[in-house]
Amino acid sequence: MNSTAEKSGAEATAGVRSVLSLPAAYRWFWRAIGGPGYIRRYVEEYVKPWPGCRILDIGCGPGTVAPYFHDVEYVGFDSSPEYIEAARRQFPGLKFVCARVSEYRPERGYFNVALALGVVHHLDDAEALQLFQMAHDALGPGGKLVTLDGVFAPRQSPIARFLVRHDRGQFVRNEDGYVQIASRGFPSVKATVRHDLLRIPYTHIIMECVRSA
């Protein structure tokens, strides 16, 4: 690819990232690619909340996952003031905090489940490690962190690989790259690679990271 084409591609990608930083645009895009069904499967198959469960949503965006929880204690935080403002308007009964991963200090050992939905691939290795360490400290014994991110994988379709490569996140890894960082914060990490969660070709990795009992 010549330099002109590379520049045009980079500018187009930057434009998409800028648009998706707007809560309304993000929600529209999310519905268009099948996000609601994708989140429902993520919650039902991996998070598995129960009544009274205490949930910490790391990088909660505009409250993307909040509608899928009932009868739980929920706290979400995100570094985007626009996302947090939108989440507070839509879900006034829930708690949302504006903070970066490196800044937020939840109560130690308080939560049963932590989520990081589409977050780790936005973080370099140092800040990603901070996320896993913070989540570990926030969880009680036997608690789990469930992450979900785009991933580079063997036998990935060319379209999926292209979309993953041009994701808004700048730190998409392969499975080993994600697991190596997660394992520095948690003693037990189970990774699952999925190609079937969205209406468009895309590859995700879901990690279930369990704190020692």
C-alpha atoms as a PDB file:
ATOM      1  CA  MET A   1       0.000   0.000   0.000  1.00  0.00           C
ATOM      2  CA  ASN A   2       1.389   3.429  -0.934  1.00  0.00           C
ATOM      3  CA  SER A   3       1.741   6.278   1.544  1.00  0.00           C
ATOM      4  CA  THR A   4      -1.285   8.157   0.126  1.00  0.00           C
ATOM      5  CA  ALA A   5      -3.554   5.148   0.593  1.00  0.00           C
ATOM      6  CA  GLU A   6      -2.194   4.544   4.079  1.00  0.00           C
ATOM      7  CA  LYS A   7      -2.837   8.170   5.009  1.00  0.00           C
ATOM      8  CA  SER A   8      -6.386   8.024   3.626  1.00  0.00           C
ATOM      9  CA  GLY A   9      -7.078   4.823   5.543  1.00  0.00           C
ATOM     10  CA  ALA A  10      -5.734   6.309   8.766  1.00  0.00           C
ATOM     11  CA  GLU A  11      -7.837   9.448   8.302  1.00  0.00           C
ATOM     12  CA  ALA A  12     -10.974   7.387   7.668  1.00  0.00           C
ATOM     13  CA  THR A  13     -10.329   5.284  10.757  1.00  0.00           C
ATOM     14  CA  ALA A  14      -9.777   8.410  12.858  1.00  0.00           C
ATOM     15  CA  GLY A  15     -13.060   9.820  11.555  1.00  0.00           C
ATOM     16  CA  VAL A  16     -14.980   6.712  12.564  1.00  0.00           C
ATOM     17  CA  ARG A  17     -13.398   6.783  16.025  1.00  0.00           C
ATOM     18  CA  SER A  18     -14.398  10.416  16.459  1.00  0.00           C
ATOM     19  CA  VAL A  19     -18.015   9.763  15.462  1.00  0.00           C
ATOM     20  CA  LEU A  20     -18.319   6.717  17.732  1.00  0.00           C
ATOM     21  CA  SER A  21     -17.149   8.780  20.696  1.00  0.00           C
ATOM     22  CA  LEU A  22     -20.613  10.403  20.560  1.00  0.00           C
ATOM     23  CA  PRO A  23     -23.065   8.393  22.717  1.00  0.00           C
ATOM     24  CA  ALA A  24     -25.964   8.578  20.216  1.00  0.00           C
ATOM     25  CA  ALA A  25     -23.764   7.440  17.309  1.00  0.00           C
ATOM     26  CA  TYR A  26     -22.279   4.661  19.418  1.00  0.00           C
ATOM     27  CA  ARG A  27     -25.748   3.345  20.348  1.00  0.00           C
ATOM     28  CA  TRP A  28     -26.924   3.448  16.712  1.00  0.00           C
ATOM     29  CA  PHE A  29     -23.837   1.563  15.508  1.00  0.00           C
ATOM     30  CA  TRP A  30     -24.178  -0.902  18.364  1.00  0.00           C
ATOM     31  CA  ARG A  31     -27.748  -1.825  17.393  1.00  0.00           C
ATOM     32  CA  ALA A  32     -26.859  -2.012  13.685  1.00  0.00           C
ATOM     33  CA  ILE A  33     -24.176  -4.686  14.155  1.00  0.00           C
ATOM     34  CA  GLY A  34     -26.295  -6.808  16.509  1.00  0.00           C
ATOM     35  CA  GLY A  35     -24.928  -5.501  19.777  1.00  0.00           C
ATOM     36  CA  PRO A  36     -28.014  -6.190  21.935  1.00  0.00           C
ATOM     37  CA  GLY A  37     -28.031  -9.915  21.132  1.00  0.00           C
ATOM     38  CA  TYR A  38     -24.267 -10.070  21.549  1.00  0.00           C
ATOM     39  CA  ILE A  39     -24.434  -8.516  25.005  1.00  0.00           C
ATOM     40  CA  ARG A  40     -27.289 -10.772  26.044  1.00  0.00           C
ATOM     41  CA  ARG A  41     -25.215 -13.837  25.198  1.00  0.00           C
ATOM     42  CA  TYR A  42     -22.182 -12.382  26.984  1.00  0.00           C
ATOM     43  CA  VAL A  43     -24.218 -11.799  30.150  1.00  0.00           C
ATOM     44  CA  GLU A  44     -26.135 -15.081  30.084  1.00  0.00           C
ATOM     45  CA  GLU A  45     -23.264 -17.386  29.092  1.00  0.00           C
ATOM     46  CA  TYR A  46     -20.299 -15.820  30.877  1.00  0.00           C
ATOM     47  CA  VAL A  47     -21.278 -13.223  33.482  1.00  0.00           C
ATOM     48  CA  LYS A  48     -24.215 -15.221  34.919  1.00  0.00           C
ATOM     49  CA  PRO A  49     -25.416 -12.647  37.476  1.00  0.00           C
ATOM     50  CA  TRP A  50     -27.728 -13.537  40.352  1.00  0.00           C
ATOM     51  CA  PRO A  51     -30.082 -11.446  42.524  1.00  0.00           C
ATOM     52  CA  GLY A  52     -28.054  -9.305  44.893  1.00  0.00           C
ATOM     53  CA  CYS A  53     -24.843  -9.721  42.899  1.00  0.00           C
ATOM     54  CA  ARG A  54     -22.470  -6.745  43.219  1.00  0.00           C
ATOM     55  CA  ILE A  55     -21.167  -5.797  39.766  1.00  0.00           C
ATOM     56  CA  LEU A  56     -18.363  -3.424  38.786  1.00  0.00           C
ATOM     57  CA  ASP A  57     -18.511  -2.398  35.110  1.00  0.00           C
ATOM     58  CA  ILE A  58     -15.056  -1.193  34.019  1.00  0.00           C
ATOM     59  CA  GLY A  59     -15.228   1.084  30.980  1.00  0.00           C
ATOM     60  CA  CYS A  60     -19.022   1.101  31.052  1.00  0.00           C
ATOM     61  CA  GLY A  61     -19.439   3.501  28.112  1.00  0.00           C
ATOM     62  CA  PRO A  62     -22.936   5.048  27.965  1.00  0.00           C
ATOM     63  CA  GLY A  63     -24.338   2.206  30.081  1.00  0.00           C
ATOM     64  CA  THR A  64     -24.224  -0.416  27.339  1.00  0.00           C
ATOM     65  CA  VAL A  65     -24.612  -3.440  29.628  1.00  0.00           C
ATOM     66  CA  ALA A  66     -26.756  -1.854  32.342  1.00  0.00           C
ATOM     67  CA  PRO A  67     -30.171  -2.823  30.838  1.00  0.00           C
ATOM     68  CA  TYR A  68     -29.255  -6.519  31.002  1.00  0.00           C
ATOM     69  CA  PHE A  69     -28.956  -6.617  34.787  1.00  0.00           C
ATOM     70  CA  HIS A  70     -31.843  -6.859  37.223  1.00  0.00           C
ATOM     71  CA  ASP A  71     -31.904  -6.991  41.020  1.00  0.00           C
ATOM     72  CA  VAL A  72     -28.142  -6.397  41.286  1.00  0.00           C
ATOM     73  CA  GLU A  73     -25.964  -3.683  42.807  1.00  0.00           C
ATOM     74  CA  TYR A  74     -24.267  -2.031  39.857  1.00  0.00           C
ATOM     75  CA  VAL A  75     -21.414   0.497  39.628  1.00  0.00           C
ATOM     76  CA  GLY A  76     -20.044   1.590  36.249  1.00  0.00           C
ATOM     77  CA  PHE A  77     -17.088   3.824  35.479  1.00  0.00           C
ATOM     78  CA  ASP A  78     -15.581   5.237  32.303  1.00  0.00           C
ATOM     79  CA  SER A  79     -13.034   7.890  31.341  1.00  0.00           C
ATOM     80  CA  SER A  80     -15.421   9.639  28.920  1.00  0.00           C
ATOM     81  CA  PRO A  81     -17.441  12.483  30.501  1.00  0.00           C
ATOM     82  CA  GLU A  82     -19.877  12.334  27.564  1.00  0.00           C
ATOM     83  CA  TYR A  83     -20.536   8.622  28.077  1.00  0.00           C
ATOM     84  CA  ILE A  84     -20.965   9.008  31.841  1.00  0.00           C
ATOM     85  CA  GLU A  85     -23.349  11.950  31.429  1.00  0.00           C
ATOM     86  CA  ALA A  86     -25.442   9.935  28.951  1.00  0.00           C
ATOM     87  CA  ALA A  87     -25.474   6.891  31.254  1.00  0.00           C
ATOM     88  CA  ARG A  88     -26.588   8.956  34.254  1.00  0.00           C
ATOM     89  CA  ARG A  89     -29.448  10.469  32.239  1.00  0.00           C
ATOM     90  CA  GLN A  90     -30.673   7.112  30.963  1.00  0.00           C
ATOM     91  CA  PHE A  91     -30.167   5.129  34.188  1.00  0.00           C
ATOM     92  CA  PRO A  92     -30.690   7.581  37.079  1.00  0.00           C
ATOM     93  CA  GLY A  93     -31.025   4.766  39.622  1.00  0.00           C
ATOM     94  CA  LEU A  94     -27.536   3.374  38.961  1.00  0.00           C
ATOM     95  CA  LYS A  95     -24.133   4.665  40.009  1.00  0.00           C
ATOM     96  CA  PHE A  96     -21.727   5.923  37.331  1.00  0.00           C
ATOM     97  CA  VAL A  97     -18.288   7.420  37.949  1.00  0.00           C
ATOM     98  CA  CYS A  98     -16.032   9.299  35.516  1.00  0.00           C
ATOM     99  CA  ALA A  99     -12.448   8.040  35.949  1.00  0.00           C
ATOM    100  CA  ARG A 100      -9.638   6.288  34.140  1.00  0.00           C
ATOM    101  CA  VAL A 101      -8.612   2.747  35.020  1.00  0.00           C
ATOM    102  CA  SER A 102      -5.414   4.085  36.564  1.00  0.00           C
ATOM    103  CA  GLU A 103      -7.368   6.498  38.798  1.00  0.00           C
ATOM    104  CA  TYR A 104     -10.392   4.582  40.083  1.00  0.00           C
ATOM    105  CA  ARG A 105     -10.118   2.895  43.470  1.00  0.00           C
ATOM    106  CA  PRO A 106     -13.166   0.735  44.286  1.00  0.00           C
ATOM    107  CA  GLU A 107     -13.680  -0.732  47.727  1.00  0.00           C
ATOM    108  CA  ARG A 108     -11.369  -3.719  48.170  1.00  0.00           C
ATOM    109  CA  GLY A 109     -13.016  -7.134  48.116  1.00  0.00           C
ATOM    110  CA  TYR A 110     -16.519  -5.695  47.708  1.00  0.00           C
ATOM    111  CA  PHE A 111     -17.664  -6.912  44.286  1.00  0.00           C
ATOM    112  CA  ASN A 112     -18.701 -10.391  43.136  1.00  0.00           C
ATOM    113  CA  VAL A 113     -18.220  -9.781  39.418  1.00  0.00           C
ATOM    114  CA  ALA A 114     -16.260  -7.246  37.383  1.00  0.00           C
ATOM    115  CA  LEU A 115     -16.774  -6.613  33.674  1.00  0.00           C
ATOM    116  CA  ALA A 116     -14.429  -5.135  31.099  1.00  0.00           C
ATOM    117  CA  LEU A 117     -16.408  -5.125  27.864  1.00  0.00           C
ATOM    118  CA  GLY A 118     -14.283  -3.933  24.948  1.00  0.00           C
ATOM    119  CA  VAL A 119     -11.767  -2.217  27.222  1.00  0.00           C
ATOM    120  CA  VAL A 120      -8.445  -4.091  27.337  1.00  0.00           C
ATOM    121  CA  HIS A 121      -7.673  -3.562  23.649  1.00  0.00           C
ATOM    122  CA  HIS A 122      -7.774   0.198  24.289  1.00  0.00           C
ATOM    123  CA  LEU A 123      -5.001  -0.071  26.896  1.00  0.00           C
ATOM    124  CA  ASP A 124      -1.262  -0.528  26.534  1.00  0.00           C
ATOM    125  CA  ASP A 125       0.334  -3.328  28.547  1.00  0.00           C
ATOM    126  CA  ALA A 126       1.052  -1.156  31.593  1.00  0.00           C
ATOM    127  CA  GLU A 127      -2.486   0.198  31.921  1.00  0.00           C
ATOM    128  CA  ALA A 128      -4.012  -3.179  31.051  1.00  0.00           C
ATOM    129  CA  LEU A 129      -2.067  -4.705  33.922  1.00  0.00           C
ATOM    130  CA  GLN A 130      -3.420  -1.949  36.184  1.00  0.00           C
ATOM    131  CA  LEU A 131      -6.928  -2.963  35.122  1.00  0.00           C
ATOM    132  CA  PHE A 132      -6.401  -6.601  36.056  1.00  0.00           C
ATOM    133  CA  GLN A 133      -4.778  -5.701  39.367  1.00  0.00           C
ATOM    134  CA  MET A 134      -7.527  -3.212  40.221  1.00  0.00           C
ATOM    135  CA  ALA A 135     -10.239  -5.737  39.347  1.00  0.00           C
ATOM    136  CA  HIS A 136      -8.523  -8.424  41.422  1.00  0.00           C
ATOM    137  CA  ASP A 137      -8.416  -6.102  44.438  1.00  0.00           C
ATOM    138  CA  ALA A 138     -12.062  -5.046  43.945  1.00  0.00           C
ATOM    139  CA  LEU A 139     -13.318  -8.653  43.917  1.00  0.00           C
ATOM    140  CA  GLY A 140     -14.002 -10.789  46.924  1.00  0.00           C
ATOM    141  CA  PRO A 141     -12.664 -14.367  47.229  1.00  0.00           C
ATOM    142  CA  GLY A 142     -13.898 -16.468  44.300  1.00  0.00           C
ATOM    143  CA  GLY A 143     -15.044 -13.366  42.411  1.00  0.00           C
ATOM    144  CA  LYS A 144     -14.459 -13.154  38.674  1.00  0.00           C
ATOM    145  CA  LEU A 145     -13.568 -10.609  36.032  1.00  0.00           C
ATOM    146  CA  VAL A 146     -15.091 -11.216  32.587  1.00  0.00           C
ATOM    147  CA  THR A 147     -13.434  -9.382  29.700  1.00  0.00           C
ATOM    148  CA  LEU A 148     -14.387  -9.214  26.020  1.00  0.00           C
ATOM    149  CA  ASP A 149     -12.213  -7.774  23.242  1.00  0.00           C
ATOM    150  CA  GLY A 150     -11.358  -8.045  19.590  1.00  0.00           C
ATOM    151  CA  VAL A 151      -8.522 -10.480  18.913  1.00  0.00           C
ATOM    152  CA  PHE A 152      -6.211 -11.639  16.147  1.00  0.00           C
ATOM    153  CA  ALA A 153      -6.689 -15.380  15.715  1.00  0.00           C
ATOM    154  CA  PRO A 154      -5.722 -18.289  13.440  1.00  0.00           C
ATOM    155  CA  ARG A 155      -8.222 -19.059  10.659  1.00  0.00           C
ATOM    156  CA  GLN A 156      -9.771 -15.633  11.095  1.00  0.00           C
ATOM    157  CA  SER A 157     -11.654 -14.398   8.030  1.00  0.00           C
ATOM    158  CA  PRO A 158      -9.935 -11.609   6.060  1.00  0.00           C
ATOM    159  CA  ILE A 159     -12.875  -9.274   6.750  1.00  0.00           C
ATOM    160  CA  ALA A 160     -12.770  -9.963  10.485  1.00  0.00           C
ATOM    161  CA  ARG A 161      -9.016  -9.404  10.561  1.00  0.00           C
ATOM    162  CA  PHE A 162      -9.419  -6.113   8.662  1.00  0.00           C
ATOM    163  CA  LEU A 163     -12.128  -4.894  11.058  1.00  0.00           C
ATOM    164  CA  VAL A 164     -10.162  -5.929  14.131  1.00  0.00           C
ATOM    165  CA  ARG A 165      -7.069  -4.181  12.783  1.00  0.00           C
ATOM    166  CA  HIS A 166      -9.060  -0.962  12.264  1.00  0.00           C
ATOM    167  CA  ASP A 167     -10.870  -1.077  15.598  1.00  0.00           C
ATOM    168  CA  ARG A 168     -10.869   2.107  17.693  1.00  0.00           C
ATOM    169  CA  GLY A 169      -8.649   0.300  20.191  1.00  0.00           C
ATOM    170  CA  GLN A 170      -4.947   0.576  19.362  1.00  0.00           C
ATOM    171  CA  PHE A 171      -3.767  -2.462  21.340  1.00  0.00           C
ATOM    172  CA  VAL A 172      -5.558  -5.480  19.878  1.00  0.00           C
ATOM    173  CA  ARG A 173      -3.556  -8.616  20.740  1.00  0.00           C
ATOM    174  CA  ASN A 174      -3.614 -12.315  19.965  1.00  0.00           C
ATOM    175  CA  GLU A 175      -4.941 -14.796  22.523  1.00  0.00           C
ATOM    176  CA  ASP A 176      -1.563 -15.375  24.167  1.00  0.00           C
ATOM    177  CA  GLY A 177      -0.975 -11.628  24.485  1.00  0.00           C
ATOM    178  CA  TYR A 178      -4.211 -11.109  26.397  1.00  0.00           C
ATOM    179  CA  VAL A 179      -3.806 -14.190  28.596  1.00  0.00           C
ATOM    180  CA  GLN A 180      -0.230 -13.326  29.558  1.00  0.00           C
ATOM    181  CA  ILE A 181      -1.297  -9.945  30.949  1.00  0.00           C
ATOM    182  CA  ALA A 182      -4.414 -11.308  32.660  1.00  0.00           C
ATOM    183  CA  SER A 183      -2.389 -14.066  34.311  1.00  0.00           C
ATOM    184  CA  ARG A 184      -0.192 -11.473  36.014  1.00  0.00           C
ATOM    185  CA  GLY A 185      -3.261 -10.309  37.933  1.00  0.00           C
ATOM    186  CA  PHE A 186      -5.258 -13.537  38.333  1.00  0.00           C
ATOM    187  CA  PRO A 187      -4.226 -17.105  39.153  1.00  0.00           C
ATOM    188  CA  SER A 188      -6.955 -18.632  36.958  1.00  0.00           C
ATOM    189  CA  VAL A 189      -7.687 -17.403  33.418  1.00  0.00           C
ATOM    190  CA  LYS A 190      -9.959 -19.199  30.935  1.00  0.00           C
ATOM    191  CA  ALA A 191      -9.987 -17.791  27.392  1.00  0.00           C
ATOM    192  CA  THR A 192     -12.623 -18.462  24.733  1.00  0.00           C
ATOM    193  CA  VAL A 193     -12.341 -17.207  21.136  1.00  0.00           C
ATOM    194  CA  ARG A 194     -15.650 -16.568  19.346  1.00  0.00           C
ATOM    195  CA  HIS A 195     -16.351 -15.753  15.694  1.00  0.00           C
ATOM    196  CA  ASP A 196     -20.154 -15.687  15.953  1.00  0.00           C
ATOM    197  CA  LEU A 197     -21.260 -12.885  18.245  1.00  0.00           C
ATOM    198  CA  LEU A 198     -22.024 -10.094  15.747  1.00  0.00           C
ATOM    199  CA  ARG A 199     -23.906  -9.719  12.473  1.00  0.00           C
ATOM    200  CA  ILE A 200     -20.628  -8.745  10.805  1.00  0.00           C
ATOM    201  CA  PRO A 201     -17.470 -10.901  10.576  1.00  0.00           C
ATOM    202  CA  TYR A 202     -15.553 -10.273  13.776  1.00  0.00           C
ATOM    203  CA  THR A 203     -13.477 -12.250  16.248  1.00  0.00           C
ATOM    204  CA  HIS A 204     -13.700 -11.820  20.021  1.00  0.00           C
ATOM    205  CA  ILE A 205     -11.851 -13.210  22.984  1.00  0.00           C
ATOM    206  CA  ILE A 206     -13.692 -13.652  26.284  1.00  0.00           C
ATOM    207  CA  MET A 207     -11.599 -14.184  29.394  1.00  0.00           C
ATOM    208  CA  GLU A 208     -12.971 -15.426  32.709  1.00  0.00           C
ATOM    209  CA  CYS A 209     -10.451 -14.448  35.368  1.00  0.00           C
ATOM    210  CA  VAL A 210     -11.158 -15.897  38.803  1.00  0.00           C
ATOM    211  CA  ARG A 211      -9.737 -14.666  42.091  1.00  0.00           C
ATOM    212  CA  SER A 212      -8.595 -17.297  44.564  1.00  0.00           C
ATOM    213  CA  ALA A 213     -11.207 -18.335  47.120  1.00  0.00           C
END
